[in-house]
């Protein structure tokens, strides 16, 4: 099965977890869990796939997926996460989620 499709299904089912860092970034950018889920569901592609080099991750070389998508209000959101197994089921674990600044917002 396509990885983005798997991630979208996990998001729709509510099978996601956010790190404290991701929650702090969301608070700073005034985006909520629903905004992040919407942006994942609306994403057209995985922007980048990385291999984790952090020794604190569950497995070395864990795949991290970068997804950029719009929520239903048109806000572009950047999310980075990994698919992990918890209690015999998959979870999309979100490490980073933040609003992407547009040129209009920077002025």
PDB file of N, CA and C in Angstrom:
ATOM      1  N   UNK A   1       0.848  -1.184   0.000  1.00  0.00           N
ATOM      2  CA  UNK A   1       0.000   0.000   0.000  1.00  0.00           C
ATOM      3  C   UNK A   1       0.891   1.244   0.000  1.00  0.00           C
ATOM      4  N   UNK A   2       0.457   2.263  -0.700  1.00  0.00           N
ATOM      5  CA  UNK A   2       1.137   3.544  -0.766  1.00  0.00           C
ATOM      6  C   UNK A   2       1.302   4.138   0.638  1.00  0.00           C
ATOM      7  N   UNK A   3       2.491   4.664   0.960  1.00  0.00           N
ATOM      8  CA  UNK A   3       2.782   5.187   2.302  1.00  0.00           C
ATOM      9  C   UNK A   3       1.898   6.380   2.633  1.00  0.00           C
ATOM     10  N   UNK A   4       1.719   7.314   1.707  1.00  0.00           N
ATOM     11  CA  UNK A   4       0.866   8.468   1.989  1.00  0.00           C
ATOM     12  C   UNK A   4      -0.560   8.028   2.276  1.00  0.00           C
ATOM     13  N   UNK A   5      -1.066   7.075   1.540  1.00  0.00           N
ATOM     14  CA  UNK A   5      -2.406   6.549   1.792  1.00  0.00           C
ATOM     15  C   UNK A   5      -2.497   5.934   3.192  1.00  0.00           C
ATOM     16  N   UNK A   6      -1.474   5.185   3.603  1.00  0.00           N
ATOM     17  CA  UNK A   6      -1.437   4.616   4.958  1.00  0.00           C
ATOM     18  C   UNK A   6      -1.487   5.724   6.005  1.00  0.00           C
ATOM     19  N   UNK A   7      -0.682   6.778   5.805  1.00  0.00           N
ATOM     20  CA  UNK A   7      -0.641   7.890   6.757  1.00  0.00           C
ATOM     21  C   UNK A   7      -1.985   8.608   6.803  1.00  0.00           C
ATOM     22  N   UNK A   8      -2.596   8.828   5.645  1.00  0.00           N
ATOM     23  CA  UNK A   8      -3.911   9.479   5.606  1.00  0.00           C
ATOM     24  C   UNK A   8      -4.951   8.657   6.367  1.00  0.00           C
ATOM     25  N   UNK A   9      -4.943   7.351   6.166  1.00  0.00           N
ATOM     26  CA  UNK A   9      -5.899   6.486   6.871  1.00  0.00           C
ATOM     27  C   UNK A   9      -5.672   6.527   8.379  1.00  0.00           C
ATOM     28  N   UNK A  10      -4.411   6.525   8.800  1.00  0.00           N
ATOM     29  CA  UNK A  10      -4.113   6.632  10.230  1.00  0.00           C
ATOM     30  C   UNK A  10      -4.625   7.963  10.782  1.00  0.00           C
ATOM     31  N   UNK A  11      -4.433   9.033  10.026  1.00  0.00           N
ATOM     32  CA  UNK A  11      -4.883  10.357  10.462  1.00  0.00           C
ATOM     33  C   UNK A  11      -6.400  10.416  10.593  1.00  0.00           C
ATOM     34  N   UNK A  12      -7.106   9.902   9.598  1.00  0.00           N
ATOM     35  CA  UNK A  12      -8.574   9.913   9.625  1.00  0.00           C
ATOM     36  C   UNK A  12      -9.115   9.087  10.799  1.00  0.00           C
ATOM     37  N   UNK A  13      -8.438   7.993  11.109  1.00  0.00           N
ATOM     38  CA  UNK A  13      -8.859   7.134  12.228  1.00  0.00           C
ATOM     39  C   UNK A  13      -8.453   7.698  13.591  1.00  0.00           C
ATOM     40  N   UNK A  14      -7.699   8.778  13.589  1.00  0.00           N
ATOM     41  CA  UNK A  14      -7.234   9.352  14.850  1.00  0.00           C
ATOM     42  C   UNK A  14      -6.065   8.599  15.456  1.00  0.00           C
ATOM     43  N   UNK A  15      -5.396   7.799  14.659  1.00  0.00           N
ATOM     44  CA  UNK A  15      -4.256   7.016  15.128  1.00  0.00           C
ATOM     45  C   UNK A  15      -2.974   7.820  14.923  1.00  0.00           C
ATOM     46  N   UNK A  16      -2.908   8.957  15.628  1.00  0.00           N
ATOM     47  CA  UNK A  16      -1.747   9.842  15.578  1.00  0.00           C
ATOM     48  C   UNK A  16      -1.345  10.204  17.001  1.00  0.00           C
ATOM     49  N   UNK A  17      -0.068  10.500  17.187  1.00  0.00           N
ATOM     50  CA  UNK A  17       0.465  10.969  18.467  1.00  0.00           C
ATOM     51  C   UNK A  17       1.350  12.165  18.165  1.00  0.00           C
ATOM     52  N   UNK A  18       1.333  13.159  19.026  1.00  0.00           N
ATOM     53  CA  UNK A  18       2.139  14.364  18.859  1.00  0.00           C
ATOM     54  C   UNK A  18       3.181  14.443  19.959  1.00  0.00           C
ATOM     55  N   UNK A  19       4.422  14.789  19.583  1.00  0.00           N
ATOM     56  CA  UNK A  19       5.436  15.034  20.602  1.00  0.00           C
ATOM     57  C   UNK A  19       5.112  16.368  21.273  1.00  0.00           C
ATOM     58  N   UNK A  20       5.706  16.594  22.422  1.00  0.00           N
ATOM     59  CA  UNK A  20       5.527  17.869  23.109  1.00  0.00           C
ATOM     60  C   UNK A  20       6.034  19.016  22.233  1.00  0.00           C
ATOM     61  N   UNK A  21       7.149  18.796  21.538  1.00  0.00           N
ATOM     62  CA  UNK A  21       7.704  19.815  20.643  1.00  0.00           C
ATOM     63  C   UNK A  21       6.696  20.171  19.547  1.00  0.00           C
ATOM     64  N   UNK A  22       6.069  19.171  18.954  1.00  0.00           N
ATOM     65  CA  UNK A  22       5.073  19.430  17.914  1.00  0.00           C
ATOM     66  C   UNK A  22       3.905  20.232  18.479  1.00  0.00           C
ATOM     67  N   UNK A  23       3.457  19.886  19.679  1.00  0.00           N
ATOM     68  CA  UNK A  23       2.346  20.624  20.308  1.00  0.00           C
ATOM     69  C   UNK A  23       2.734  22.080  20.592  1.00  0.00           C
ATOM     70  N   UNK A  24       3.976  22.300  21.026  1.00  0.00           N
ATOM     71  CA  UNK A  24       4.448  23.666  21.273  1.00  0.00           C
ATOM     72  C   UNK A  24       4.479  24.463  19.976  1.00  0.00           C
ATOM     73  N   UNK A  25       4.957  23.848  18.895  1.00  0.00           N
ATOM     74  CA  UNK A  25       5.000  24.528  17.596  1.00  0.00           C
ATOM     75  C   UNK A  25       3.591  24.860  17.114  1.00  0.00           C
ATOM     76  N   UNK A  26       2.677  23.938  17.325  1.00  0.00           N
ATOM     77  CA  UNK A  26       1.292  24.163  16.922  1.00  0.00           C
ATOM     78  C   UNK A  26       0.690  25.334  17.705  1.00  0.00           C
ATOM     79  N   UNK A  27       0.991  25.403  18.991  1.00  0.00           N
ATOM     80  CA  UNK A  27       0.473  26.487  19.824  1.00  0.00           C
ATOM     81  C   UNK A  27       1.016  27.841  19.352  1.00  0.00           C
ATOM     82  N   UNK A  28       2.312  27.899  19.068  1.00  0.00           N
ATOM     83  CA  UNK A  28       2.936  29.137  18.585  1.00  0.00           C
ATOM     84  C   UNK A  28       2.280  29.588  17.281  1.00  0.00           C
ATOM     85  N   UNK A  29       1.993  28.640  16.395  1.00  0.00           N
ATOM     86  CA  UNK A  29       1.404  28.963  15.084  1.00  0.00           C
ATOM     87  C   UNK A  29      -0.121  29.012  15.096  1.00  0.00           C
ATOM     88  N   UNK A  30      -0.704  28.791  16.271  1.00  0.00           N
ATOM     89  CA  UNK A  30      -2.165  28.824  16.422  1.00  0.00           C
ATOM     90  C   UNK A  30      -2.867  27.863  15.458  1.00  0.00           C
ATOM     91  N   UNK A  31      -2.350  26.630  15.417  1.00  0.00           N
ATOM     92  CA  UNK A  31      -3.014  25.568  14.660  1.00  0.00           C
ATOM     93  C   UNK A  31      -3.345  24.432  15.615  1.00  0.00           C
ATOM     94  N   UNK A  32      -4.436  23.767  15.355  1.00  0.00           N
ATOM     95  CA  UNK A  32      -4.878  22.682  16.216  1.00  0.00           C
ATOM     96  C   UNK A  32      -4.700  21.323  15.568  1.00  0.00           C
ATOM     97  N   UNK A  33      -5.046  20.305  16.327  1.00  0.00           N
ATOM     98  CA  UNK A  33      -4.944  18.932  15.847  1.00  0.00           C
ATOM     99  C   UNK A  33      -5.755  18.760  14.571  1.00  0.00           C
ATOM    100  N   UNK A  34      -6.945  19.331  14.530  1.00  0.00           N
ATOM    101  CA  UNK A  34      -7.803  19.216  13.348  1.00  0.00           C
ATOM    102  C   UNK A  34      -7.129  19.816  12.126  1.00  0.00           C
ATOM    103  N   UNK A  35      -6.444  20.947  12.294  1.00  0.00           N
ATOM    104  CA  UNK A  35      -5.732  21.576  11.174  1.00  0.00           C
ATOM    105  C   UNK A  35      -4.663  20.634  10.617  1.00  0.00           C
ATOM    106  N   UNK A  36      -3.932  19.978  11.516  1.00  0.00           N
ATOM    107  CA  UNK A  36      -2.868  19.066  11.091  1.00  0.00           C
ATOM    108  C   UNK A  36      -3.457  17.869  10.349  1.00  0.00           C
ATOM    109  N   UNK A  37      -4.516  17.289  10.905  1.00  0.00           N
ATOM    110  CA  UNK A  37      -5.168  16.133  10.263  1.00  0.00           C
ATOM    111  C   UNK A  37      -5.671  16.521   8.874  1.00  0.00           C
ATOM    112  N   UNK A  38      -6.332  17.686   8.775  1.00  0.00           N
ATOM    113  CA  UNK A  38      -6.837  18.144   7.488  1.00  0.00           C
ATOM    114  C   UNK A  38      -5.702  18.308   6.475  1.00  0.00           C
ATOM    115  N   UNK A  39      -4.582  18.870   6.922  1.00  0.00           N
ATOM    116  CA  UNK A  39      -3.466  19.090   5.993  1.00  0.00           C
ATOM    117  C   UNK A  39      -2.867  17.773   5.513  1.00  0.00           C
ATOM    118  N   UNK A  40      -2.847  16.766   6.378  1.00  0.00           N
ATOM    119  CA  UNK A  40      -2.344  15.448   5.968  1.00  0.00           C
ATOM    120  C   UNK A  40      -3.298  14.819   4.961  1.00  0.00           C
ATOM    121  N   UNK A  41      -4.581  14.881   5.253  1.00  0.00           N
ATOM    122  CA  UNK A  41      -5.591  14.288   4.362  1.00  0.00           C
ATOM    123  C   UNK A  41      -5.586  14.980   2.992  1.00  0.00           C
ATOM    124  N   UNK A  42      -5.326  16.287   2.965  1.00  0.00           N
ATOM    125  CA  UNK A  42      -5.324  17.042   1.710  1.00  0.00           C
ATOM    126  C   UNK A  42      -3.995  16.989   0.963  1.00  0.00           C
ATOM    127  N   UNK A  43      -2.963  16.462   1.571  1.00  0.00           N
ATOM    128  CA  UNK A  43      -1.630  16.434   0.934  1.00  0.00           C
ATOM    129  C   UNK A  43      -1.665  15.624  -0.359  1.00  0.00           C
ATOM    130  N   UNK A  44      -0.929  16.099  -1.341  1.00  0.00           N
ATOM    131  CA  UNK A  44      -0.860  15.428  -2.635  1.00  0.00           C
ATOM    132  C   UNK A  44       0.280  14.425  -2.716  1.00  0.00           C
ATOM    133  N   UNK A  45       1.298  14.619  -1.876  1.00  0.00           N
ATOM    134  CA  UNK A  45       2.471  13.742  -1.924  1.00  0.00           C
ATOM    135  C   UNK A  45       3.287  13.892  -0.646  1.00  0.00           C
ATOM    136  N   UNK A  46       4.132  12.920  -0.403  1.00  0.00           N
ATOM    137  CA  UNK A  46       5.136  13.041   0.649  1.00  0.00           C
ATOM    138  C   UNK A  46       6.261  13.861   0.025  1.00  0.00           C
ATOM    139  N   UNK A  47       6.594  14.978   0.649  1.00  0.00           N
ATOM    140  CA  UNK A  47       7.587  15.894   0.095  1.00  0.00           C
ATOM    141  C   UNK A  47       8.992  15.315   0.151  1.00  0.00           C
ATOM    142  N   UNK A  48       9.294  14.607   1.238  1.00  0.00           N
ATOM    143  CA  UNK A  48      10.638  14.075   1.428  1.00  0.00           C
ATOM    144  C   UNK A  48      10.576  12.906   2.400  1.00  0.00           C
ATOM    145  N   UNK A  49      11.435  11.924   2.195  1.00  0.00           N
ATOM    146  CA  UNK A  49      11.597  10.810   3.131  1.00  0.00           C
ATOM    147  C   UNK A  49      13.032  10.850   3.643  1.00  0.00           C
ATOM    148  N   UNK A  50      13.173  10.843   4.964  1.00  0.00           N
ATOM    149  CA  UNK A  50      14.483  10.914   5.610  1.00  0.00           C
ATOM    150  C   UNK A  50      14.705   9.673   6.457  1.00  0.00           C
ATOM    151  N   UNK A  51      15.946   9.394   6.764  1.00  0.00           N
ATOM    152  CA  UNK A  51      16.285   8.340   7.714  1.00  0.00           C
ATOM    153  C   UNK A  51      16.732   8.997   9.007  1.00  0.00           C
ATOM    154  N   UNK A  52      16.140   8.607  10.114  1.00  0.00           N
ATOM    155  CA  UNK A  52      16.505   9.171  11.405  1.00  0.00           C
ATOM    156  C   UNK A  52      17.917   8.756  11.781  1.00  0.00           C
ATOM    157  N   UNK A  53      18.665   9.709  12.300  1.00  0.00           N
ATOM    158  CA  UNK A  53      20.003   9.415  12.797  1.00  0.00           C
ATOM    159  C   UNK A  53      20.062   9.538  14.306  1.00  0.00           C
ATOM    160  N   UNK A  54      18.927   9.855  14.907  1.00  0.00           N
ATOM    161  CA  UNK A  54      18.872  10.036  16.355  1.00  0.00           C
ATOM    162  C   UNK A  54      18.954   8.698  17.074  1.00  0.00           C
ATOM    163  N   UNK A  55      19.810   8.613  18.067  1.00  0.00           N
ATOM    164  CA  UNK A  55      19.943   7.375  18.840  1.00  0.00           C
ATOM    165  C   UNK A  55      18.764   7.170  19.776  1.00  0.00           C
ATOM    166  N   UNK A  56      17.958   8.213  19.988  1.00  0.00           N
ATOM    167  CA  UNK A  56      16.809   8.091  20.889  1.00  0.00           C
ATOM    168  C   UNK A  56      15.580   7.491  20.212  1.00  0.00           C
ATOM    169  N   UNK A  57      15.619   7.339  18.903  1.00  0.00           N
ATOM    170  CA  UNK A  57      14.484   6.751  18.186  1.00  0.00           C
ATOM    171  C   UNK A  57      14.371   5.267  18.491  1.00  0.00           C
ATOM    172  N   UNK A  58      13.201   4.731  18.284  1.00  0.00           N
ATOM    173  CA  UNK A  58      12.938   3.326  18.586  1.00  0.00           C
ATOM    174  C   UNK A  58      13.826   2.387  17.790  1.00  0.00           C
ATOM    175  N   UNK A  59      14.066   2.717  16.539  1.00  0.00           N
ATOM    176  CA  UNK A  59      14.935   1.916  15.668  1.00  0.00           C
ATOM    177  C   UNK A  59      15.887   2.860  14.973  1.00  0.00           C
ATOM    178  N   UNK A  60      17.112   2.402  14.759  1.00  0.00           N
ATOM    179  CA  UNK A  60      18.019   3.254  13.989  1.00  0.00           C
ATOM    180  C   UNK A  60      17.575   3.208  12.531  1.00  0.00           C
ATOM    181  N   UNK A  61      17.708   4.320  11.856  1.00  0.00           N
ATOM    182  CA  UNK A  61      17.316   4.384  10.458  1.00  0.00           C
ATOM    183  C   UNK A  61      15.815   4.447  10.239  1.00  0.00           C
ATOM    184  N   UNK A  62      15.064   4.790  11.268  1.00  0.00           N
ATOM    185  CA  UNK A  62      13.609   4.912  11.147  1.00  0.00           C
ATOM    186  C   UNK A  62      13.275   5.929  10.055  1.00  0.00           C
ATOM    187  N   UNK A  63      12.297   5.618   9.203  1.00  0.00           N
ATOM    188  CA  UNK A  63      11.905   6.531   8.127  1.00  0.00           C
ATOM    189  C   UNK A  63      11.027   7.642   8.684  1.00  0.00           C
ATOM    190  N   UNK A  64      11.404   8.868   8.335  1.00  0.00           N
ATOM    191  CA  UNK A  64      10.625  10.047   8.695  1.00  0.00           C
ATOM    192  C   UNK A  64      10.040  10.619   7.415  1.00  0.00           C
ATOM    193  N   UNK A  65       8.770  10.960   7.454  1.00  0.00           N
ATOM    194  CA  UNK A  65       8.078  11.460   6.271  1.00  0.00           C
ATOM    195  C   UNK A  65       7.728  12.928   6.458  1.00  0.00           C
ATOM    196  N   UNK A  66       8.071  13.743   5.468  1.00  0.00           N
ATOM    197  CA  UNK A  66       7.744  15.162   5.464  1.00  0.00           C
ATOM    198  C   UNK A  66       6.544  15.349   4.541  1.00  0.00           C
ATOM    199  N   UNK A  67       5.517  15.978   5.091  1.00  0.00           N
ATOM    200  CA  UNK A  67       4.270  16.184   4.353  1.00  0.00           C
ATOM    201  C   UNK A  67       3.900  17.662   4.433  1.00  0.00           C
ATOM    202  N   UNK A  68       3.596  18.258   3.283  1.00  0.00           N
ATOM    203  CA  UNK A  68       3.096  19.628   3.235  1.00  0.00           C
ATOM    204  C   UNK A  68       1.708  19.580   2.631  1.00  0.00           C
ATOM    205  N   UNK A  69       0.762  20.179   3.329  1.00  0.00           N
ATOM    206  CA  UNK A  69      -0.602  20.183   2.826  1.00  0.00           C
ATOM    207  C   UNK A  69      -1.386  21.343   3.409  1.00  0.00           C
ATOM    208  N   UNK A  70      -2.506  21.632   2.793  1.00  0.00           N
ATOM    209  CA  UNK A  70      -3.375  22.724   3.234  1.00  0.00           C
ATOM    210  C   UNK A  70      -4.497  22.188   4.110  1.00  0.00           C
ATOM    211  N   UNK A  71      -4.820  22.922   5.183  1.00  0.00           N
ATOM    212  CA  UNK A  71      -6.032  22.574   5.939  1.00  0.00           C
ATOM    213  C   UNK A  71      -7.227  23.105   5.145  1.00  0.00           C
ATOM    214  N   UNK A  72      -8.435  22.909   5.655  1.00  0.00           N
ATOM    215  CA  UNK A  72      -9.628  23.304   4.910  1.00  0.00           C
ATOM    216  C   UNK A  72      -9.777  24.813   4.771  1.00  0.00           C
ATOM    217  N   UNK A  73      -9.028  25.587   5.575  1.00  0.00           N
ATOM    218  CA  UNK A  73      -9.081  27.049   5.478  1.00  0.00           C
ATOM    219  C   UNK A  73      -7.980  27.601   4.566  1.00  0.00           C
ATOM    220  N   UNK A  74      -7.150  26.727   3.995  1.00  0.00           N
ATOM    221  CA  UNK A  74      -6.125  27.160   3.065  1.00  0.00           C
ATOM    222  C   UNK A  74      -4.775  27.460   3.688  1.00  0.00           C
ATOM    223  N   UNK A  75      -4.579  27.108   4.947  1.00  0.00           N
ATOM    224  CA  UNK A  75      -3.296  27.317   5.608  1.00  0.00           C
ATOM    225  C   UNK A  75      -2.360  26.162   5.260  1.00  0.00           C
ATOM    226  N   UNK A  76      -1.160  26.492   4.773  1.00  0.00           N
ATOM    227  CA  UNK A  76      -0.173  25.483   4.427  1.00  0.00           C
ATOM    228  C   UNK A  76       0.549  25.038   5.698  1.00  0.00           C
ATOM    229  N   UNK A  77       0.553  23.731   5.947  1.00  0.00           N
ATOM    230  CA  UNK A  77       1.122  23.171   7.179  1.00  0.00           C
ATOM    231  C   UNK A  77       2.177  22.130   6.828  1.00  0.00           C
ATOM    232  N   UNK A  78       3.302  22.217   7.539  1.00  0.00           N
ATOM    233  CA  UNK A  78       4.438  21.300   7.386  1.00  0.00           C
ATOM    234  C   UNK A  78       4.384  20.303   8.536  1.00  0.00           C
ATOM    235  N   UNK A  79       4.406  19.016   8.217  1.00  0.00           N
ATOM    236  CA  UNK A  79       4.374  17.973   9.238  1.00  0.00           C
ATOM    237  C   UNK A  79       5.467  16.948   8.954  1.00  0.00           C
ATOM    238  N   UNK A  80       6.162  16.533  10.005  1.00  0.00           N
ATOM    239  CA  UNK A  80       7.169  15.482   9.878  1.00  0.00           C
ATOM    240  C   UNK A  80       6.854  14.419  10.921  1.00  0.00           C
ATOM    241  N   UNK A  81       6.809  13.159  10.476  1.00  0.00           N
ATOM    242  CA  UNK A  81       6.481  12.081  11.400  1.00  0.00           C
ATOM    243  C   UNK A  81       6.925  10.729  10.886  1.00  0.00           C
ATOM    244  N   UNK A  82       6.651   9.722  11.697  1.00  0.00           N
ATOM    245  CA  UNK A  82       7.036   8.350  11.376  1.00  0.00           C
ATOM    246  C   UNK A  82       5.878   7.412  11.706  1.00  0.00           C
ATOM    247  N   UNK A  83       5.792   6.337  10.953  1.00  0.00           N
ATOM    248  CA  UNK A  83       4.819   5.292  11.263  1.00  0.00           C
ATOM    249  C   UNK A  83       5.483   4.338  12.244  1.00  0.00           C
ATOM    250  N   UNK A  84       4.848   4.136  13.391  1.00  0.00           N
ATOM    251  CA  UNK A  84       5.389   3.238  14.417  1.00  0.00           C
ATOM    252  C   UNK A  84       4.310   2.240  14.833  1.00  0.00           C
ATOM    253  N   UNK A  85       4.731   1.159  15.454  1.00  0.00           N
ATOM    254  CA  UNK A  85       3.795   0.158  15.976  1.00  0.00           C
ATOM    255  C   UNK A  85       3.641   0.346  17.472  1.00  0.00           C
ATOM    256  N   UNK A  86       2.396   0.395  17.926  1.00  0.00           N
ATOM    257  CA  UNK A  86       2.066   0.452  19.346  1.00  0.00           C
ATOM    258  C   UNK A  86       0.967  -0.566  19.594  1.00  0.00           C
ATOM    259  N   UNK A  87       1.232  -1.483  20.484  1.00  0.00           N
ATOM    260  CA  UNK A  87       0.219  -2.481  20.860  1.00  0.00           C
ATOM    261  C   UNK A  87      -0.444  -3.111  19.632  1.00  0.00           C
ATOM    262  N   UNK A  88       0.369  -3.592  18.720  1.00  0.00           N
ATOM    263  CA  UNK A  88      -0.081  -4.319  17.523  1.00  0.00           C
ATOM    264  C   UNK A  88      -0.854  -3.471  16.508  1.00  0.00           C
ATOM    265  N   UNK A  89      -0.768  -2.154  16.608  1.00  0.00           N
ATOM    266  CA  UNK A  89      -1.413  -1.327  15.591  1.00  0.00           C
ATOM    267  C   UNK A  89      -0.474  -0.186  15.209  1.00  0.00           C
ATOM    268  N   UNK A  90      -0.658   0.323  13.997  1.00  0.00           N
ATOM    269  CA  UNK A  90       0.184   1.409  13.519  1.00  0.00           C
ATOM    270  C   UNK A  90      -0.331   2.755  14.023  1.00  0.00           C
ATOM    271  N   UNK A  91       0.615   3.648  14.285  1.00  0.00           N
ATOM    272  CA  UNK A  91       0.339   5.020  14.706  1.00  0.00           C
ATOM    273  C   UNK A  91       1.241   5.924  13.874  1.00  0.00           C
ATOM    274  N   UNK A  92       0.729   7.081  13.457  1.00  0.00           N
ATOM    275  CA  UNK A  92       1.589   8.075  12.827  1.00  0.00           C
ATOM    276  C   UNK A  92       2.031   9.027  13.925  1.00  0.00           C
ATOM    277  N   UNK A  93       3.306   8.984  14.247  1.00  0.00           N
ATOM    278  CA  UNK A  93       3.886   9.748  15.345  1.00  0.00           C
ATOM    279  C   UNK A  93       4.439  11.050  14.771  1.00  0.00           C
ATOM    280  N   UNK A  94       3.885  12.194  15.194  1.00  0.00           N
ATOM    281  CA  UNK A  94       4.230  13.494  14.632  1.00  0.00           C
ATOM    282  C   UNK A  94       5.255  14.196  15.516  1.00  0.00           C
ATOM    283  N   UNK A  95       6.408  14.495  14.917  1.00  0.00           N
ATOM    284  CA  UNK A  95       7.495  15.151  15.630  1.00  0.00           C
ATOM    285  C   UNK A  95       7.463  16.662  15.453  1.00  0.00           C
ATOM    286  N   UNK A  96       7.053  17.122  14.281  1.00  0.00           N
ATOM    287  CA  UNK A  96       7.026  18.543  13.961  1.00  0.00           C
ATOM    288  C   UNK A  96       5.742  18.826  13.206  1.00  0.00           C
ATOM    289  N   UNK A  97       5.085  19.914  13.554  1.00  0.00           N
ATOM    290  CA  UNK A  97       3.958  20.370  12.755  1.00  0.00           C
ATOM    291  C   UNK A  97       3.853  21.873  12.947  1.00  0.00           C
ATOM    292  N   UNK A  98       3.954  22.614  11.862  1.00  0.00           N
ATOM    293  CA  UNK A  98       3.956  24.059  11.951  1.00  0.00           C
ATOM    294  C   UNK A  98       3.383  24.679  10.690  1.00  0.00           C
ATOM    295  N   UNK A  99       2.849  25.874  10.856  1.00  0.00           N
ATOM    296  CA  UNK A  99       2.328  26.634   9.732  1.00  0.00           C
ATOM    297  C   UNK A  99       3.508  27.137   8.913  1.00  0.00           C
ATOM    298  N   UNK A 100       3.386  27.056   7.603  1.00  0.00           N
ATOM    299  CA  UNK A 100       4.426  27.563   6.724  1.00  0.00           C
ATOM    300  C   UNK A 100       4.073  29.010   6.382  1.00  0.00           C
ATOM    301  N   UNK A 101       4.990  29.930   6.677  1.00  0.00           N
ATOM    302  CA  UNK A 101       4.755  31.338   6.411  1.00  0.00           C
ATOM    303  C   UNK A 101       4.662  31.571   4.898  1.00  0.00           C
ATOM    304  N   UNK A 102       3.742  32.434   4.521  1.00  0.00           N
ATOM    305  CA  UNK A 102       3.631  32.818   3.118  1.00  0.00           C
ATOM    306  C   UNK A 102       4.179  34.233   2.975  1.00  0.00           C
ATOM    307  N   UNK A 103       4.413  34.668   1.763  1.00  0.00           N
ATOM    308  CA  UNK A 103       4.951  36.009   1.540  1.00  0.00           C
ATOM    309  C   UNK A 103       4.029  37.072   2.111  1.00  0.00           C
ATOM    310  N   UNK A 104       2.713  36.899   2.012  1.00  0.00           N
ATOM    311  CA  UNK A 104       1.760  37.869   2.544  1.00  0.00           C
ATOM    312  C   UNK A 104       1.901  38.019   4.047  1.00  0.00           C
ATOM    313  N   UNK A 105       2.170  36.931   4.760  1.00  0.00           N
ATOM    314  CA  UNK A 105       2.266  36.961   6.215  1.00  0.00           C
ATOM    315  C   UNK A 105       3.572  37.558   6.707  1.00  0.00           C
ATOM    316  N   UNK A 106       4.621  37.507   5.871  1.00  0.00           N
ATOM    317  CA  UNK A 106       5.928  38.014   6.282  1.00  0.00           C
ATOM    318  C   UNK A 106       6.001  39.534   6.213  1.00  0.00           C
ATOM    319  N   UNK A 107       5.146  40.139   5.453  1.00  0.00           N
ATOM    320  CA  UNK A 107       5.192  41.605   5.255  1.00  0.00           C
ATOM    321  C   UNK A 107       4.691  42.354   6.465  1.00  0.00           C
TER     322      UNK A 107
END
